[in-house]
Amino acid sequence: MFVFKKQVEEVVLHATVVDEQGHLITGLDKSAFSITQNGTPRADYIFPQGGRPGRDRHCGVDNSGSMRDKRQQVNDAVLNLIRASNSQDQVFVVKLRAESVSGSGFHV
């Protein structure tokens, strides 16, 4: 368990929930979570509707010859990241060899 101590007015916690296979679980509401302070349940927390604001995500993809047989798996992984992202996220993908060759900007 991670514990930190600090006198603050507000603590922002970000949580990602996945199932046993690592698949993202979405659509959870406040009742799916509990917050405690020193072992005492807290009911005064804010659970924002609509999730978090968008973020910029940058993916560097190894496009060298050694990745040739893994290229489809890498492409699938990047597309899964994009699909699982917040609808406000912007994703930028850069293919890398010895130097940067091209990039594709995606708005989810």
N, C-alpha and C. Protein backbone atom coordinates (compact mmCIF):
# COMPACT_ATOMS: atom_id res chain seq x y z
N MET A 1 0.84 -1.17 0.00
CA MET A 1 0.00 0.00 0.00
C MET A 1 0.89 1.23 0.00
N PHE A 2 0.55 2.20 -0.84
CA PHE A 2 1.27 3.47 -0.92
C PHE A 2 0.64 4.44 0.06
N VAL A 3 1.45 5.06 0.91
CA VAL A 3 0.96 6.03 1.90
C VAL A 3 1.79 7.29 1.79
N PHE A 4 1.12 8.44 1.74
CA PHE A 4 1.84 9.70 1.79
C PHE A 4 1.15 10.61 2.78
N LYS A 5 1.93 11.49 3.41
CA LYS A 5 1.39 12.40 4.41
C LYS A 5 1.75 13.82 4.03
N LYS A 6 0.75 14.70 4.03
CA LYS A 6 0.94 16.10 3.68
C LYS A 6 -0.31 16.86 4.06
N GLN A 7 -0.16 18.09 4.55
CA GLN A 7 -1.31 18.94 4.85
C GLN A 7 -1.75 19.60 3.56
N VAL A 8 -2.91 19.21 3.05
CA VAL A 8 -3.40 19.74 1.78
C VAL A 8 -4.89 20.01 1.87
N GLU A 9 -5.37 20.81 0.93
CA GLU A 9 -6.80 21.09 0.84
C GLU A 9 -7.50 20.09 -0.06
N GLU A 10 -6.78 19.63 -1.08
CA GLU A 10 -7.39 18.71 -2.04
C GLU A 10 -6.32 17.78 -2.59
N VAL A 11 -6.66 16.53 -2.73
CA VAL A 11 -5.78 15.53 -3.33
C VAL A 11 -6.48 15.00 -4.57
N VAL A 12 -5.78 15.01 -5.69
CA VAL A 12 -6.35 14.49 -6.93
C VAL A 12 -5.80 13.10 -7.17
N LEU A 13 -6.69 12.13 -7.29
CA LEU A 13 -6.30 10.75 -7.55
C LEU A 13 -6.82 10.34 -8.92
N HIS A 14 -5.97 9.77 -9.73
CA HIS A 14 -6.38 9.23 -11.02
C HIS A 14 -6.32 7.72 -10.90
N ALA A 15 -7.35 7.04 -11.37
CA ALA A 15 -7.39 5.59 -11.30
C ALA A 15 -7.73 5.01 -12.66
N THR A 16 -7.07 3.91 -12.98
CA THR A 16 -7.38 3.15 -14.18
C THR A 16 -7.76 1.76 -13.72
N VAL A 17 -8.89 1.26 -14.18
CA VAL A 17 -9.37 -0.05 -13.76
C VAL A 17 -9.32 -1.00 -14.95
N VAL A 18 -8.67 -2.14 -14.72
CA VAL A 18 -8.57 -3.17 -15.76
C VAL A 18 -9.06 -4.49 -15.20
N ASP A 19 -9.50 -5.39 -16.10
CA ASP A 19 -9.90 -6.72 -15.66
C ASP A 19 -8.66 -7.62 -15.58
N GLU A 20 -8.87 -8.91 -15.28
CA GLU A 20 -7.76 -9.84 -15.09
C GLU A 20 -6.92 -10.02 -16.35
N GLN A 21 -7.49 -9.76 -17.52
CA GLN A 21 -6.74 -9.87 -18.76
C GLN A 21 -6.10 -8.54 -19.16
N GLY A 22 -6.25 -7.51 -18.34
CA GLY A 22 -5.66 -6.22 -18.63
C GLY A 22 -6.50 -5.31 -19.50
N HIS A 23 -7.77 -5.70 -19.76
CA HIS A 23 -8.65 -4.86 -20.57
C HIS A 23 -9.22 -3.73 -19.74
N LEU A 24 -9.26 -2.55 -20.31
CA LEU A 24 -9.77 -1.37 -19.64
C LEU A 24 -11.25 -1.53 -19.31
N ILE A 25 -11.63 -1.17 -18.09
CA ILE A 25 -13.04 -1.18 -17.67
C ILE A 25 -13.48 0.27 -17.54
N THR A 26 -14.54 0.62 -18.26
CA THR A 26 -15.03 1.99 -18.25
C THR A 26 -16.45 2.03 -17.71
N GLY A 27 -16.99 3.21 -17.53
CA GLY A 27 -18.39 3.38 -17.13
C GLY A 27 -18.64 3.20 -15.64
N LEU A 28 -17.58 3.16 -14.84
CA LEU A 28 -17.76 3.00 -13.40
C LEU A 28 -18.19 4.33 -12.79
N ASP A 29 -19.06 4.26 -11.79
CA ASP A 29 -19.47 5.48 -11.10
C ASP A 29 -18.88 5.51 -9.70
N LYS A 30 -19.24 6.52 -8.94
CA LYS A 30 -18.68 6.74 -7.60
C LYS A 30 -18.86 5.53 -6.68
N SER A 31 -19.95 4.79 -6.86
CA SER A 31 -20.22 3.64 -5.96
C SER A 31 -19.21 2.51 -6.14
N ALA A 32 -18.44 2.52 -7.23
CA ALA A 32 -17.45 1.47 -7.46
C ALA A 32 -16.14 1.73 -6.71
N PHE A 33 -16.01 2.89 -6.06
CA PHE A 33 -14.77 3.28 -5.41
C PHE A 33 -15.02 3.61 -3.95
N SER A 34 -13.96 3.46 -3.16
CA SER A 34 -14.02 3.93 -1.77
C SER A 34 -12.69 4.59 -1.44
N ILE A 35 -12.75 5.66 -0.70
CA ILE A 35 -11.57 6.41 -0.29
C ILE A 35 -11.53 6.38 1.23
N THR A 36 -10.35 6.09 1.77
CA THR A 36 -10.18 6.11 3.23
C THR A 36 -9.03 7.03 3.59
N GLN A 37 -9.11 7.57 4.79
CA GLN A 37 -8.04 8.39 5.33
C GLN A 37 -7.71 7.83 6.70
N ASN A 38 -6.48 7.35 6.86
CA ASN A 38 -6.06 6.70 8.11
C ASN A 38 -7.02 5.58 8.49
N GLY A 39 -7.49 4.83 7.48
CA GLY A 39 -8.39 3.71 7.72
C GLY A 39 -9.85 4.08 7.88
N THR A 40 -10.16 5.38 7.89
CA THR A 40 -11.54 5.84 8.05
C THR A 40 -12.13 6.19 6.69
N PRO A 41 -13.28 5.59 6.35
CA PRO A 41 -13.89 5.91 5.05
C PRO A 41 -14.23 7.39 4.93
N ARG A 42 -14.00 7.94 3.74
CA ARG A 42 -14.35 9.32 3.44
C ARG A 42 -15.48 9.32 2.44
N ALA A 43 -16.52 10.08 2.71
CA ALA A 43 -17.65 10.17 1.79
C ALA A 43 -17.71 11.53 1.10
N ASP A 44 -16.78 12.42 1.45
CA ASP A 44 -16.84 13.78 0.94
C ASP A 44 -15.95 14.01 -0.28
N TYR A 45 -15.67 12.95 -1.01
CA TYR A 45 -14.83 13.13 -2.19
C TYR A 45 -15.67 13.43 -3.43
N ILE A 46 -15.03 14.09 -4.37
CA ILE A 46 -15.69 14.47 -5.63
C ILE A 46 -15.32 13.44 -6.69
N PHE A 47 -16.32 12.95 -7.37
CA PHE A 47 -16.10 12.00 -8.46
C PHE A 47 -16.60 12.68 -9.73
N PRO A 48 -15.69 13.25 -10.51
CA PRO A 48 -16.13 14.04 -11.66
C PRO A 48 -16.82 13.19 -12.71
N GLN A 49 -17.94 13.64 -13.17
CA GLN A 49 -18.62 12.98 -14.28
C GLN A 49 -17.93 13.39 -15.56
N GLY A 50 -17.78 12.46 -16.48
CA GLY A 50 -17.12 12.77 -17.73
C GLY A 50 -15.63 12.49 -17.71
N GLY A 51 -15.11 12.05 -16.60
CA GLY A 51 -13.71 11.65 -16.57
C GLY A 51 -12.75 12.81 -16.56
N ARG A 52 -11.55 12.51 -16.96
CA ARG A 52 -10.47 13.49 -16.91
C ARG A 52 -10.41 14.30 -18.21
N PRO A 53 -9.72 15.43 -18.18
CA PRO A 53 -9.55 16.20 -19.41
C PRO A 53 -8.62 15.48 -20.37
N GLY A 54 -8.61 15.91 -21.61
CA GLY A 54 -7.76 15.28 -22.61
C GLY A 54 -6.28 15.49 -22.34
N ARG A 55 -5.48 14.58 -22.85
CA ARG A 55 -4.03 14.66 -22.72
C ARG A 55 -3.40 14.46 -24.09
N ASP A 56 -2.19 14.96 -24.23
CA ASP A 56 -1.41 14.67 -25.42
C ASP A 56 -0.60 13.41 -25.15
N ARG A 57 -0.69 12.46 -26.06
CA ARG A 57 0.07 11.21 -25.94
C ARG A 57 0.97 11.10 -27.15
N HIS A 58 2.21 10.73 -26.90
CA HIS A 58 3.19 10.58 -27.97
C HIS A 58 3.71 9.15 -27.95
N CYS A 59 3.65 8.48 -29.08
CA CYS A 59 4.11 7.10 -29.18
C CYS A 59 5.25 7.04 -30.17
N GLY A 60 6.37 6.49 -29.73
CA GLY A 60 7.48 6.23 -30.62
C GLY A 60 7.43 4.76 -31.00
N VAL A 61 7.36 4.47 -32.29
CA VAL A 61 7.24 3.10 -32.77
C VAL A 61 8.53 2.72 -33.47
N ASP A 62 9.16 1.65 -33.00
CA ASP A 62 10.39 1.13 -33.61
C ASP A 62 10.04 0.54 -34.96
N ASN A 63 10.56 1.14 -36.03
CA ASN A 63 10.26 0.71 -37.38
C ASN A 63 11.50 0.11 -38.05
N SER A 64 12.45 -0.35 -37.23
CA SER A 64 13.67 -0.91 -37.77
C SER A 64 13.43 -2.31 -38.31
N GLY A 65 14.37 -2.81 -39.06
CA GLY A 65 14.25 -4.13 -39.66
C GLY A 65 14.06 -5.25 -38.65
N SER A 66 14.63 -5.09 -37.45
CA SER A 66 14.50 -6.15 -36.43
C SER A 66 13.06 -6.30 -35.94
N MET A 67 12.21 -5.32 -36.20
CA MET A 67 10.82 -5.36 -35.76
C MET A 67 9.88 -5.85 -36.85
N ARG A 68 10.41 -6.21 -38.02
CA ARG A 68 9.59 -6.57 -39.17
C ARG A 68 8.54 -7.63 -38.81
N ASP A 69 8.94 -8.70 -38.12
CA ASP A 69 8.00 -9.77 -37.80
C ASP A 69 7.06 -9.42 -36.65
N LYS A 70 7.29 -8.30 -35.98
CA LYS A 70 6.44 -7.87 -34.86
C LYS A 70 5.59 -6.66 -35.21
N ARG A 71 5.75 -6.17 -36.43
CA ARG A 71 5.12 -4.90 -36.83
C ARG A 71 3.61 -4.91 -36.63
N GLN A 72 2.92 -6.00 -37.02
CA GLN A 72 1.47 -6.04 -36.87
C GLN A 72 1.06 -5.98 -35.40
N GLN A 73 1.81 -6.67 -34.53
CA GLN A 73 1.51 -6.62 -33.10
C GLN A 73 1.70 -5.21 -32.54
N VAL A 74 2.75 -4.55 -32.98
CA VAL A 74 3.00 -3.17 -32.53
C VAL A 74 1.88 -2.25 -33.02
N ASN A 75 1.52 -2.38 -34.30
CA ASN A 75 0.43 -1.56 -34.84
C ASN A 75 -0.86 -1.79 -34.07
N ASP A 76 -1.17 -3.05 -33.78
CA ASP A 76 -2.39 -3.37 -33.02
C ASP A 76 -2.34 -2.76 -31.63
N ALA A 77 -1.18 -2.82 -30.98
CA ALA A 77 -1.05 -2.26 -29.63
C ALA A 77 -1.28 -0.75 -29.64
N VAL A 78 -0.70 -0.05 -30.63
CA VAL A 78 -0.88 1.40 -30.72
C VAL A 78 -2.35 1.73 -30.98
N LEU A 79 -2.99 0.98 -31.88
CA LEU A 79 -4.41 1.23 -32.15
C LEU A 79 -5.27 0.95 -30.92
N ASN A 80 -4.92 -0.08 -30.14
CA ASN A 80 -5.66 -0.36 -28.91
C ASN A 80 -5.50 0.79 -27.91
N LEU A 81 -4.29 1.35 -27.82
CA LEU A 81 -4.07 2.51 -26.95
C LEU A 81 -4.95 3.67 -27.38
N ILE A 82 -4.99 3.92 -28.69
CA ILE A 82 -5.80 5.02 -29.20
C ILE A 82 -7.28 4.79 -28.91
N ARG A 83 -7.76 3.58 -29.14
CA ARG A 83 -9.18 3.27 -28.90
C ARG A 83 -9.54 3.38 -27.42
N ALA A 84 -8.61 3.03 -26.53
CA ALA A 84 -8.88 3.07 -25.09
C ALA A 84 -8.70 4.45 -24.49
N SER A 85 -8.21 5.39 -25.28
CA SER A 85 -7.94 6.73 -24.77
C SER A 85 -9.23 7.51 -24.56
N ASN A 86 -9.10 8.53 -23.76
CA ASN A 86 -10.17 9.49 -23.55
C ASN A 86 -10.50 10.14 -24.88
N SER A 87 -11.76 10.43 -25.13
CA SER A 87 -12.16 11.03 -26.41
C SER A 87 -11.55 12.41 -26.60
N GLN A 88 -11.03 13.03 -25.55
CA GLN A 88 -10.40 14.34 -25.66
C GLN A 88 -8.88 14.24 -25.86
N ASP A 89 -8.32 13.03 -25.82
CA ASP A 89 -6.88 12.85 -26.00
C ASP A 89 -6.47 13.11 -27.44
N GLN A 90 -5.26 13.58 -27.60
CA GLN A 90 -4.65 13.68 -28.92
C GLN A 90 -3.42 12.78 -28.90
N VAL A 91 -3.31 11.93 -29.93
CA VAL A 91 -2.23 10.96 -30.00
C VAL A 91 -1.36 11.27 -31.21
N PHE A 92 -0.06 11.30 -31.00
CA PHE A 92 0.88 11.54 -32.07
C PHE A 92 1.80 10.33 -32.16
N VAL A 93 1.87 9.69 -33.32
CA VAL A 93 2.67 8.49 -33.51
C VAL A 93 3.85 8.83 -34.41
N VAL A 94 5.05 8.47 -33.95
CA VAL A 94 6.26 8.70 -34.73
C VAL A 94 6.93 7.36 -34.98
N LYS A 95 7.20 7.06 -36.25
CA LYS A 95 7.94 5.85 -36.61
C LYS A 95 9.43 6.15 -36.51
N LEU A 96 10.16 5.32 -35.80
CA LEU A 96 11.58 5.55 -35.57
C LEU A 96 12.44 4.48 -36.23
N ARG A 97 13.50 4.89 -36.89
CA ARG A 97 14.57 4.01 -37.37
C ARG A 97 15.83 4.57 -36.73
N ALA A 98 16.80 4.86 -37.54
CA ALA A 98 17.98 5.53 -37.03
C ALA A 98 17.64 7.00 -36.73
N GLU A 99 16.63 7.52 -37.46
CA GLU A 99 16.15 8.87 -37.23
C GLU A 99 14.63 8.86 -37.38
N SER A 100 13.99 9.93 -36.97
CA SER A 100 12.54 10.03 -37.12
C SER A 100 12.20 10.17 -38.59
N VAL A 101 11.24 9.34 -39.08
CA VAL A 101 10.90 9.40 -40.49
C VAL A 101 9.56 10.03 -40.78
N SER A 102 8.55 9.73 -40.01
CA SER A 102 7.24 10.31 -40.29
C SER A 102 6.39 10.27 -39.03
N GLY A 103 5.35 11.04 -39.06
CA GLY A 103 4.45 11.05 -37.91
C GLY A 103 3.02 11.17 -38.38
N SER A 104 2.13 10.66 -37.58
CA SER A 104 0.71 10.78 -37.87
C SER A 104 0.02 11.30 -36.64
N GLY A 105 -0.72 12.37 -36.77
CA GLY A 105 -1.47 12.91 -35.65
C GLY A 105 -2.88 12.34 -35.67
N PHE A 106 -3.33 11.84 -34.55
CA PHE A 106 -4.69 11.29 -34.45
C PHE A 106 -5.43 12.07 -33.39
N HIS A 107 -6.67 12.39 -33.66
CA HIS A 107 -7.55 12.94 -32.63
C HIS A 107 -8.59 11.87 -32.36
N VAL A 108 -8.63 11.38 -31.11
CA VAL A 108 -9.50 10.27 -30.76
C VAL A 108 -10.94 10.71 -30.76
